[in-house]
Amino acid sequence: MVVPVLAAVLLVASLVVAVVGVLAALQRLPRNRVIGVRTGWTMARVDAFRRANRVAAPAFTGAGGLGLVAGVTALLSPVTAAAVTLLVVGAVGLLVLLGVGGVLGGRYAEADREATLEAENRPAQPCSVPVPDGATEHADRGCGAETRSACAGSCAICPKGAGA
């Protein structure tokens, strides 16, 4: 009587994990405090939460699939030591793959945090859009040739012509 109950519990847990994996892969998993990759960075930014969980999604989906196969097989097989072993292997495999997904998502979140903070702290670079030769339409507003190349000829963003 215990094996069918344990198989049903494994099936329900595996189904939940598989749904979380699919939602994470589709970037439709809402940010929450219960499921998914939850680090300080992913909880602070919705986009980081979605990206980290998308990285973990294959492991989550695989964990759910493994648990579903083990649960269905154990439920349909006669109650023997093999069925109990299958349940244990399925449950352990589910937990291991969940851990792998969490570690992968956490590592990605940390790399994403470092890259994002580096990009946000990088000084602004001049615009690389070239100014056509002989362009003088902004010269009367105080934008010299040296600033037009940095501003792509727009006095609205030109450092010298901002107040002109």
N, C-alpha and C. Protein backbone atom coordinates (compact mmCIF):
# COMPACT_ATOMS: atom_id res chain seq x y z
N MET A 1 0.81 -1.21 0.00
CA MET A 1 0.00 0.00 0.00
C MET A 1 0.85 1.26 0.00
N VAL A 2 2.07 1.18 0.53
CA VAL A 2 2.93 2.35 0.62
C VAL A 2 3.48 2.75 -0.75
N VAL A 3 3.81 1.79 -1.59
CA VAL A 3 4.42 2.08 -2.89
C VAL A 3 3.49 2.91 -3.77
N PRO A 4 2.19 2.58 -3.90
CA PRO A 4 1.34 3.43 -4.74
C PRO A 4 1.22 4.87 -4.21
N VAL A 5 1.20 5.03 -2.91
CA VAL A 5 1.12 6.38 -2.33
C VAL A 5 2.40 7.16 -2.64
N LEU A 6 3.54 6.52 -2.44
CA LEU A 6 4.82 7.18 -2.74
C LEU A 6 4.95 7.49 -4.24
N ALA A 7 4.46 6.57 -5.07
CA ALA A 7 4.50 6.80 -6.51
C ALA A 7 3.61 7.99 -6.88
N ALA A 8 2.46 8.10 -6.25
CA ALA A 8 1.57 9.24 -6.52
C ALA A 8 2.20 10.55 -6.07
N VAL A 9 2.86 10.54 -4.93
CA VAL A 9 3.54 11.75 -4.44
C VAL A 9 4.65 12.15 -5.41
N LEU A 10 5.42 11.16 -5.87
CA LEU A 10 6.49 11.43 -6.84
C LEU A 10 5.90 11.97 -8.14
N LEU A 11 4.78 11.42 -8.58
CA LEU A 11 4.14 11.92 -9.80
C LEU A 11 3.70 13.37 -9.67
N VAL A 12 3.08 13.71 -8.56
CA VAL A 12 2.61 15.09 -8.37
C VAL A 12 3.80 16.05 -8.31
N ALA A 13 4.83 15.68 -7.53
CA ALA A 13 6.02 16.53 -7.42
C ALA A 13 6.71 16.69 -8.78
N SER A 14 6.79 15.61 -9.53
CA SER A 14 7.44 15.66 -10.84
C SER A 14 6.64 16.50 -11.82
N LEU A 15 5.33 16.41 -11.74
CA LEU A 15 4.49 17.23 -12.61
C LEU A 15 4.67 18.71 -12.31
N VAL A 16 4.74 19.06 -11.04
CA VAL A 16 4.97 20.46 -10.66
C VAL A 16 6.32 20.95 -11.18
N VAL A 17 7.36 20.13 -11.00
CA VAL A 17 8.70 20.51 -11.45
C VAL A 17 8.74 20.63 -12.97
N ALA A 18 8.09 19.74 -13.68
CA ALA A 18 8.07 19.81 -15.14
C ALA A 18 7.35 21.07 -15.62
N VAL A 19 6.24 21.43 -14.98
CA VAL A 19 5.52 22.65 -15.35
C VAL A 19 6.39 23.87 -15.08
N VAL A 20 7.09 23.89 -13.95
CA VAL A 20 8.00 25.00 -13.64
C VAL A 20 9.09 25.09 -14.71
N GLY A 21 9.63 23.94 -15.12
CA GLY A 21 10.67 23.93 -16.16
C GLY A 21 10.16 24.47 -17.48
N VAL A 22 8.96 24.08 -17.86
CA VAL A 22 8.39 24.58 -19.13
C VAL A 22 8.12 26.08 -19.04
N LEU A 23 7.54 26.52 -17.93
CA LEU A 23 7.28 27.96 -17.76
C LEU A 23 8.58 28.75 -17.77
N ALA A 24 9.63 28.21 -17.14
CA ALA A 24 10.92 28.90 -17.11
C ALA A 24 11.52 28.96 -18.51
N ALA A 25 11.40 27.88 -19.28
CA ALA A 25 11.94 27.86 -20.63
C ALA A 25 11.24 28.88 -21.52
N LEU A 26 9.95 29.06 -21.30
CA LEU A 26 9.19 30.03 -22.08
C LEU A 26 9.26 31.43 -21.51
N GLN A 27 10.00 31.61 -20.44
CA GLN A 27 10.13 32.87 -19.71
C GLN A 27 8.78 33.39 -19.24
N ARG A 28 7.93 32.49 -18.82
CA ARG A 28 6.60 32.84 -18.32
C ARG A 28 6.47 32.55 -16.82
N LEU A 29 7.54 32.13 -16.19
CA LEU A 29 7.52 31.84 -14.75
C LEU A 29 7.53 33.17 -14.00
N PRO A 30 6.48 33.45 -13.24
CA PRO A 30 6.45 34.73 -12.52
C PRO A 30 7.46 34.73 -11.38
N ARG A 31 8.06 35.90 -11.15
CA ARG A 31 9.02 36.02 -10.04
C ARG A 31 8.25 35.82 -8.74
N ASN A 32 8.76 34.92 -7.90
CA ASN A 32 8.10 34.58 -6.65
C ASN A 32 9.13 34.14 -5.64
N ARG A 33 8.73 33.90 -4.43
CA ARG A 33 9.65 33.52 -3.36
C ARG A 33 9.61 32.03 -3.04
N VAL A 34 8.96 31.24 -3.92
CA VAL A 34 8.81 29.82 -3.62
C VAL A 34 9.54 28.93 -4.63
N ILE A 35 9.33 29.17 -5.93
CA ILE A 35 9.90 28.28 -6.94
C ILE A 35 10.82 29.05 -7.88
N GLY A 36 11.74 28.33 -8.48
CA GLY A 36 12.67 28.93 -9.43
C GLY A 36 14.01 29.25 -8.78
N VAL A 37 14.89 29.84 -9.58
CA VAL A 37 16.21 30.26 -9.09
C VAL A 37 16.03 31.60 -8.38
N ARG A 38 16.26 31.59 -7.07
CA ARG A 38 16.04 32.79 -6.27
C ARG A 38 17.35 33.19 -5.58
N THR A 39 17.99 34.18 -6.13
CA THR A 39 19.17 34.77 -5.50
C THR A 39 18.83 36.24 -5.24
N GLY A 40 19.72 36.92 -4.56
CA GLY A 40 19.49 38.34 -4.32
C GLY A 40 19.34 39.12 -5.63
N TRP A 41 20.15 38.77 -6.62
CA TRP A 41 20.12 39.46 -7.90
C TRP A 41 18.85 39.12 -8.67
N THR A 42 18.46 37.84 -8.71
CA THR A 42 17.28 37.48 -9.49
C THR A 42 16.00 37.99 -8.83
N MET A 43 16.01 38.14 -7.53
CA MET A 43 14.82 38.67 -6.86
C MET A 43 14.75 40.19 -6.99
N ALA A 44 15.87 40.83 -7.28
CA ALA A 44 15.89 42.29 -7.42
C ALA A 44 15.48 42.74 -8.82
N ARG A 45 15.65 41.88 -9.82
CA ARG A 45 15.38 42.27 -11.20
C ARG A 45 14.59 41.18 -11.91
N VAL A 46 13.49 41.56 -12.50
CA VAL A 46 12.63 40.59 -13.19
C VAL A 46 13.37 39.96 -14.36
N ASP A 47 14.10 40.77 -15.13
CA ASP A 47 14.81 40.23 -16.29
C ASP A 47 15.88 39.23 -15.87
N ALA A 48 16.56 39.47 -14.77
CA ALA A 48 17.56 38.52 -14.27
C ALA A 48 16.90 37.22 -13.82
N PHE A 49 15.74 37.32 -13.18
CA PHE A 49 15.01 36.13 -12.75
C PHE A 49 14.63 35.28 -13.96
N ARG A 50 14.13 35.92 -14.99
CA ARG A 50 13.72 35.17 -16.18
C ARG A 50 14.89 34.52 -16.88
N ARG A 51 16.01 35.26 -17.01
CA ARG A 51 17.18 34.68 -17.69
C ARG A 51 17.79 33.54 -16.90
N ALA A 52 17.93 33.69 -15.60
CA ALA A 52 18.53 32.62 -14.78
C ALA A 52 17.65 31.38 -14.79
N ASN A 53 16.35 31.54 -14.74
CA ASN A 53 15.46 30.39 -14.77
C ASN A 53 15.41 29.75 -16.14
N ARG A 54 15.63 30.54 -17.19
CA ARG A 54 15.68 29.95 -18.52
C ARG A 54 16.91 29.07 -18.67
N VAL A 55 18.01 29.46 -18.03
CA VAL A 55 19.21 28.63 -18.05
C VAL A 55 18.96 27.33 -17.28
N ALA A 56 18.23 27.40 -16.19
CA ALA A 56 17.96 26.22 -15.36
C ALA A 56 16.83 25.36 -15.91
N ALA A 57 16.06 25.87 -16.85
CA ALA A 57 14.87 25.18 -17.34
C ALA A 57 15.12 23.77 -17.87
N PRO A 58 16.17 23.52 -18.66
CA PRO A 58 16.37 22.14 -19.14
C PRO A 58 16.56 21.13 -17.99
N ALA A 59 17.28 21.53 -16.96
CA ALA A 59 17.47 20.62 -15.82
C ALA A 59 16.15 20.43 -15.07
N PHE A 60 15.37 21.51 -14.91
CA PHE A 60 14.08 21.39 -14.24
C PHE A 60 13.14 20.48 -15.04
N THR A 61 13.08 20.67 -16.33
CA THR A 61 12.21 19.85 -17.17
C THR A 61 12.68 18.40 -17.17
N GLY A 62 13.99 18.19 -17.24
CA GLY A 62 14.53 16.83 -17.17
C GLY A 62 14.23 16.16 -15.84
N ALA A 63 14.32 16.92 -14.76
CA ALA A 63 14.00 16.36 -13.45
C ALA A 63 12.54 15.95 -13.38
N GLY A 64 11.67 16.79 -13.90
CA GLY A 64 10.25 16.45 -13.93
C GLY A 64 9.97 15.23 -14.78
N GLY A 65 10.60 15.16 -15.93
CA GLY A 65 10.43 14.00 -16.81
C GLY A 65 10.93 12.71 -16.18
N LEU A 66 12.09 12.77 -15.56
CA LEU A 66 12.64 11.60 -14.89
C LEU A 66 11.72 11.12 -13.77
N GLY A 67 11.24 12.05 -12.98
CA GLY A 67 10.34 11.69 -11.89
C GLY A 67 9.02 11.12 -12.40
N LEU A 68 8.50 11.69 -13.49
CA LEU A 68 7.26 11.17 -14.07
C LEU A 68 7.44 9.74 -14.57
N VAL A 69 8.53 9.48 -15.27
CA VAL A 69 8.78 8.13 -15.78
C VAL A 69 8.94 7.16 -14.62
N ALA A 70 9.70 7.53 -13.61
CA ALA A 70 9.90 6.63 -12.45
C ALA A 70 8.60 6.41 -11.70
N GLY A 71 7.81 7.45 -11.51
CA GLY A 71 6.55 7.32 -10.79
C GLY A 71 5.54 6.47 -11.52
N VAL A 72 5.39 6.69 -12.82
CA VAL A 72 4.43 5.90 -13.61
C VAL A 72 4.87 4.44 -13.65
N THR A 73 6.16 4.21 -13.87
CA THR A 73 6.66 2.84 -13.93
C THR A 73 6.46 2.13 -12.60
N ALA A 74 6.77 2.81 -11.50
CA ALA A 74 6.60 2.20 -10.18
C ALA A 74 5.13 1.96 -9.87
N LEU A 75 4.26 2.86 -10.32
CA LEU A 75 2.83 2.72 -10.07
C LEU A 75 2.24 1.55 -10.85
N LEU A 76 2.73 1.32 -12.06
CA LEU A 76 2.20 0.26 -12.90
C LEU A 76 2.84 -1.11 -12.64
N SER A 77 3.97 -1.12 -11.99
CA SER A 77 4.64 -2.40 -11.75
C SER A 77 4.12 -3.03 -10.45
N PRO A 78 4.28 -4.34 -10.32
CA PRO A 78 3.87 -4.98 -9.07
C PRO A 78 4.75 -4.51 -7.91
N VAL A 79 4.20 -4.55 -6.73
CA VAL A 79 4.91 -4.08 -5.55
C VAL A 79 6.02 -5.07 -5.21
N THR A 80 7.23 -4.68 -5.58
CA THR A 80 8.41 -5.50 -5.30
C THR A 80 9.54 -4.57 -4.88
N ALA A 81 10.68 -5.17 -4.61
CA ALA A 81 11.86 -4.37 -4.27
C ALA A 81 12.28 -3.51 -5.46
N ALA A 82 12.03 -3.99 -6.66
CA ALA A 82 12.38 -3.22 -7.86
C ALA A 82 11.56 -1.94 -7.94
N ALA A 83 10.28 -2.02 -7.59
CA ALA A 83 9.43 -0.83 -7.61
C ALA A 83 9.89 0.19 -6.58
N VAL A 84 10.27 -0.29 -5.41
CA VAL A 84 10.76 0.61 -4.35
C VAL A 84 12.08 1.24 -4.78
N THR A 85 12.95 0.44 -5.38
CA THR A 85 14.23 0.95 -5.86
C THR A 85 14.00 2.00 -6.94
N LEU A 86 13.06 1.74 -7.83
CA LEU A 86 12.74 2.69 -8.89
C LEU A 86 12.23 4.01 -8.31
N LEU A 87 11.40 3.94 -7.28
CA LEU A 87 10.91 5.15 -6.62
C LEU A 87 12.06 5.94 -5.99
N VAL A 88 12.96 5.23 -5.33
CA VAL A 88 14.09 5.91 -4.68
C VAL A 88 15.00 6.55 -5.72
N VAL A 89 15.30 5.81 -6.78
CA VAL A 89 16.16 6.35 -7.84
C VAL A 89 15.49 7.55 -8.52
N GLY A 90 14.19 7.46 -8.76
CA GLY A 90 13.46 8.57 -9.36
C GLY A 90 13.46 9.80 -8.48
N ALA A 91 13.23 9.61 -7.18
CA ALA A 91 13.21 10.74 -6.24
C ALA A 91 14.59 11.37 -6.12
N VAL A 92 15.62 10.54 -6.03
CA VAL A 92 16.99 11.06 -5.91
C VAL A 92 17.39 11.77 -7.21
N GLY A 93 17.04 11.18 -8.35
CA GLY A 93 17.32 11.82 -9.64
C GLY A 93 16.62 13.16 -9.77
N LEU A 94 15.38 13.22 -9.31
CA LEU A 94 14.63 14.47 -9.33
C LEU A 94 15.34 15.53 -8.51
N LEU A 95 15.75 15.17 -7.31
CA LEU A 95 16.43 16.14 -6.44
C LEU A 95 17.79 16.55 -6.99
N VAL A 96 18.54 15.60 -7.54
CA VAL A 96 19.86 15.93 -8.09
C VAL A 96 19.73 16.88 -9.28
N LEU A 97 18.81 16.59 -10.19
CA LEU A 97 18.64 17.47 -11.34
C LEU A 97 18.10 18.84 -10.94
N LEU A 98 17.25 18.89 -9.91
CA LEU A 98 16.82 20.19 -9.40
C LEU A 98 18.01 20.98 -8.87
N GLY A 99 18.90 20.29 -8.16
CA GLY A 99 20.11 20.94 -7.64
C GLY A 99 21.01 21.43 -8.75
N VAL A 100 21.17 20.62 -9.79
CA VAL A 100 22.00 21.02 -10.93
C VAL A 100 21.41 22.27 -11.60
N GLY A 101 20.10 22.27 -11.79
CA GLY A 101 19.45 23.44 -12.38
C GLY A 101 19.62 24.67 -11.51
N GLY A 102 19.49 24.50 -10.20
CA GLY A 102 19.67 25.63 -9.29
C GLY A 102 21.08 26.18 -9.33
N VAL A 103 22.07 25.28 -9.37
CA VAL A 103 23.47 25.73 -9.42
C VAL A 103 23.75 26.44 -10.74
N LEU A 104 23.29 25.87 -11.85
CA LEU A 104 23.51 26.51 -13.15
C LEU A 104 22.84 27.88 -13.21
N GLY A 105 21.60 27.96 -12.75
CA GLY A 105 20.90 29.24 -12.74
C GLY A 105 21.56 30.24 -11.81
N GLY A 106 22.03 29.80 -10.67
CA GLY A 106 22.71 30.68 -9.72
C GLY A 106 24.02 31.21 -10.28
N ARG A 107 24.78 30.33 -10.92
CA ARG A 107 26.04 30.77 -11.53
C ARG A 107 25.79 31.76 -12.67
N TYR A 108 24.77 31.48 -13.46
CA TYR A 108 24.43 32.41 -14.53
C TYR A 108 24.00 33.75 -13.94
N ALA A 109 23.22 33.73 -12.89
CA ALA A 109 22.75 34.97 -12.27
C ALA A 109 23.94 35.79 -11.76
N GLU A 110 24.93 35.12 -11.19
CA GLU A 110 26.11 35.84 -10.69
C GLU A 110 26.89 36.46 -11.85
N ALA A 111 27.08 35.71 -12.93
CA ALA A 111 27.78 36.25 -14.10
C ALA A 111 26.97 37.39 -14.72
N ASP A 112 25.66 37.25 -14.75
CA ASP A 112 24.79 38.30 -15.28
C ASP A 112 24.89 39.55 -14.42
N ARG A 113 24.95 39.37 -13.10
CA ARG A 113 25.06 40.52 -12.19
C ARG A 113 26.36 41.27 -12.44
N GLU A 114 27.46 40.53 -12.54
CA GLU A 114 28.76 41.17 -12.77
C GLU A 114 28.78 41.91 -14.11
N ALA A 115 28.25 41.28 -15.15
CA ALA A 115 28.25 41.91 -16.47
C ALA A 115 27.35 43.14 -16.50
N THR A 116 26.21 43.05 -15.86
CA THR A 116 25.28 44.18 -15.84
C THR A 116 25.85 45.35 -15.05
N LEU A 117 26.43 45.06 -13.90
CA LEU A 117 27.01 46.13 -13.09
C LEU A 117 28.20 46.77 -13.80
N GLU A 118 28.99 45.96 -14.49
CA GLU A 118 30.12 46.50 -15.24
C GLU A 118 29.62 47.40 -16.36
N ALA A 119 28.58 46.98 -17.05
CA ALA A 119 28.04 47.79 -18.15
C ALA A 119 27.41 49.08 -17.62
N GLU A 120 26.76 49.01 -16.47
CA GLU A 120 26.14 50.20 -15.91
C GLU A 120 27.18 51.19 -15.38
N ASN A 121 28.34 50.71 -14.96
CA ASN A 121 29.37 51.58 -14.40
C ASN A 121 30.37 52.05 -15.46
N ARG A 122 30.24 51.57 -16.67
CA ARG A 122 31.14 51.97 -17.74
C ARG A 122 30.80 53.39 -18.17
N PRO A 123 31.80 54.25 -18.36
CA PRO A 123 31.50 55.63 -18.79
C PRO A 123 30.88 55.63 -20.19
N ALA A 124 30.09 56.63 -20.44
CA ALA A 124 29.41 56.74 -21.74
C ALA A 124 30.45 56.93 -22.84
N GLN A 125 30.27 56.25 -23.91
CA GLN A 125 31.17 56.34 -25.05
C GLN A 125 30.56 57.27 -26.09
N PRO A 126 31.41 57.96 -26.86
CA PRO A 126 30.86 58.81 -27.91
C PRO A 126 30.15 57.97 -28.96
N CYS A 127 29.19 58.59 -29.60
CA CYS A 127 28.42 57.92 -30.63
C CYS A 127 29.34 57.62 -31.81
N SER A 128 29.18 56.48 -32.40
CA SER A 128 30.05 56.10 -33.50
C SER A 128 29.43 56.36 -34.87
N VAL A 129 28.29 57.05 -34.91
CA VAL A 129 27.67 57.36 -36.18
C VAL A 129 28.48 58.46 -36.86
N PRO A 130 28.95 58.21 -38.08
CA PRO A 130 29.78 59.22 -38.73
C PRO A 130 28.95 60.43 -39.18
N VAL A 131 29.62 61.60 -39.16
CA VAL A 131 29.00 62.84 -39.63
C VAL A 131 29.37 62.99 -41.10
N PRO A 132 28.38 63.31 -41.95
CA PRO A 132 28.70 63.48 -43.38
C PRO A 132 29.68 64.64 -43.59
N ASP A 133 30.53 64.51 -44.60
CA ASP A 133 31.48 65.58 -44.92
C ASP A 133 30.72 66.85 -45.30
N GLY A 134 31.20 67.98 -44.82
CA GLY A 134 30.61 69.26 -45.16
C GLY A 134 29.35 69.58 -44.39
N ALA A 135 29.03 68.81 -43.35
CA ALA A 135 27.82 69.08 -42.56
C ALA A 135 28.08 70.28 -41.67
N THR A 136 27.35 71.34 -41.88
CA THR A 136 27.55 72.57 -41.11
C THR A 136 26.26 73.07 -40.50
N GLU A 137 25.17 72.29 -40.55
CA GLU A 137 23.89 72.79 -40.11
C GLU A 137 23.84 73.07 -38.61
N HIS A 138 24.75 72.51 -37.82
CA HIS A 138 24.73 72.73 -36.38
C HIS A 138 25.81 73.71 -35.91
N ALA A 139 26.63 74.17 -36.84
CA ALA A 139 27.74 75.04 -36.46
C ALA A 139 27.24 76.35 -35.86
N ASP A 140 26.10 76.84 -36.31
CA ASP A 140 25.60 78.12 -35.81
C ASP A 140 25.08 78.01 -34.38
N ARG A 141 24.84 76.81 -33.86
CA ARG A 141 24.32 76.65 -32.51
C ARG A 141 25.41 76.30 -31.50
N GLY A 142 26.66 76.33 -31.92
CA GLY A 142 27.76 76.09 -30.99
C GLY A 142 28.32 74.69 -31.04
N CYS A 143 27.82 73.83 -31.90
CA CYS A 143 28.37 72.49 -32.01
C CYS A 143 29.49 72.53 -33.02
N GLY A 144 30.71 72.40 -32.57
CA GLY A 144 31.84 72.40 -33.46
C GLY A 144 31.99 71.04 -34.12
N ALA A 145 32.90 70.96 -35.07
CA ALA A 145 33.11 69.72 -35.81
C ALA A 145 33.54 68.59 -34.88
N GLU A 146 34.36 68.94 -33.83
CA GLU A 146 34.83 67.89 -32.93
C GLU A 146 33.70 67.31 -32.09
N THR A 147 32.70 68.10 -31.73
CA THR A 147 31.59 67.58 -30.93
C THR A 147 30.53 66.94 -31.79
N ARG A 148 30.40 67.39 -33.04
CA ARG A 148 29.40 66.77 -33.90
C ARG A 148 29.75 65.32 -34.15
N SER A 149 31.02 64.99 -34.25
CA SER A 149 31.38 63.59 -34.47
C SER A 149 31.04 62.75 -33.25
N ALA A 150 31.14 63.35 -32.05
CA ALA A 150 30.80 62.61 -30.85
C ALA A 150 29.31 62.56 -30.62
N CYS A 151 28.56 63.52 -31.20
CA CYS A 151 27.11 63.59 -30.97
C CYS A 151 26.32 63.18 -32.19
N ALA A 152 26.98 62.75 -33.21
CA ALA A 152 26.34 62.37 -34.48
C ALA A 152 25.61 63.55 -35.09
N GLY A 153 26.09 64.77 -34.81
CA GLY A 153 25.54 65.96 -35.43
C GLY A 153 24.26 66.46 -34.80
N SER A 154 23.86 65.94 -33.70
CA SER A 154 22.62 66.39 -33.07
C SER A 154 22.95 67.35 -31.94
N CYS A 155 22.55 68.62 -32.08
CA CYS A 155 22.82 69.61 -31.04
C CYS A 155 22.00 69.33 -29.78
N ALA A 156 20.95 68.52 -29.89
CA ALA A 156 20.14 68.22 -28.70
C ALA A 156 20.95 67.40 -27.70
N ILE A 157 21.91 66.59 -28.18
CA ILE A 157 22.72 65.80 -27.26
C ILE A 157 24.17 66.26 -27.25
N CYS A 158 24.47 67.32 -27.97
CA CYS A 158 25.83 67.84 -28.05
C CYS A 158 26.19 68.51 -26.73
N PRO A 159 27.34 68.19 -26.14
CA PRO A 159 27.72 68.82 -24.88
C PRO A 159 27.84 70.34 -24.97
N LYS A 160 28.34 70.87 -26.09
CA LYS A 160 28.50 72.32 -26.23
C LYS A 160 27.20 73.00 -26.61
N GLY A 161 26.31 72.27 -27.30
CA GLY A 161 25.10 72.90 -27.80
C GLY A 161 23.88 72.60 -26.95
N ALA A 162 24.05 72.00 -25.78
CA ALA A 162 22.89 71.61 -24.98
C ALA A 162 22.10 72.83 -24.53
N GLY A 163 22.80 73.91 -24.24
CA GLY A 163 22.08 75.10 -23.78
C GLY A 163 21.78 76.09 -24.88
N ALA A 164 22.26 75.83 -26.08
CA ALA A 164 22.09 76.78 -27.18
C ALA A 164 20.72 76.70 -27.79
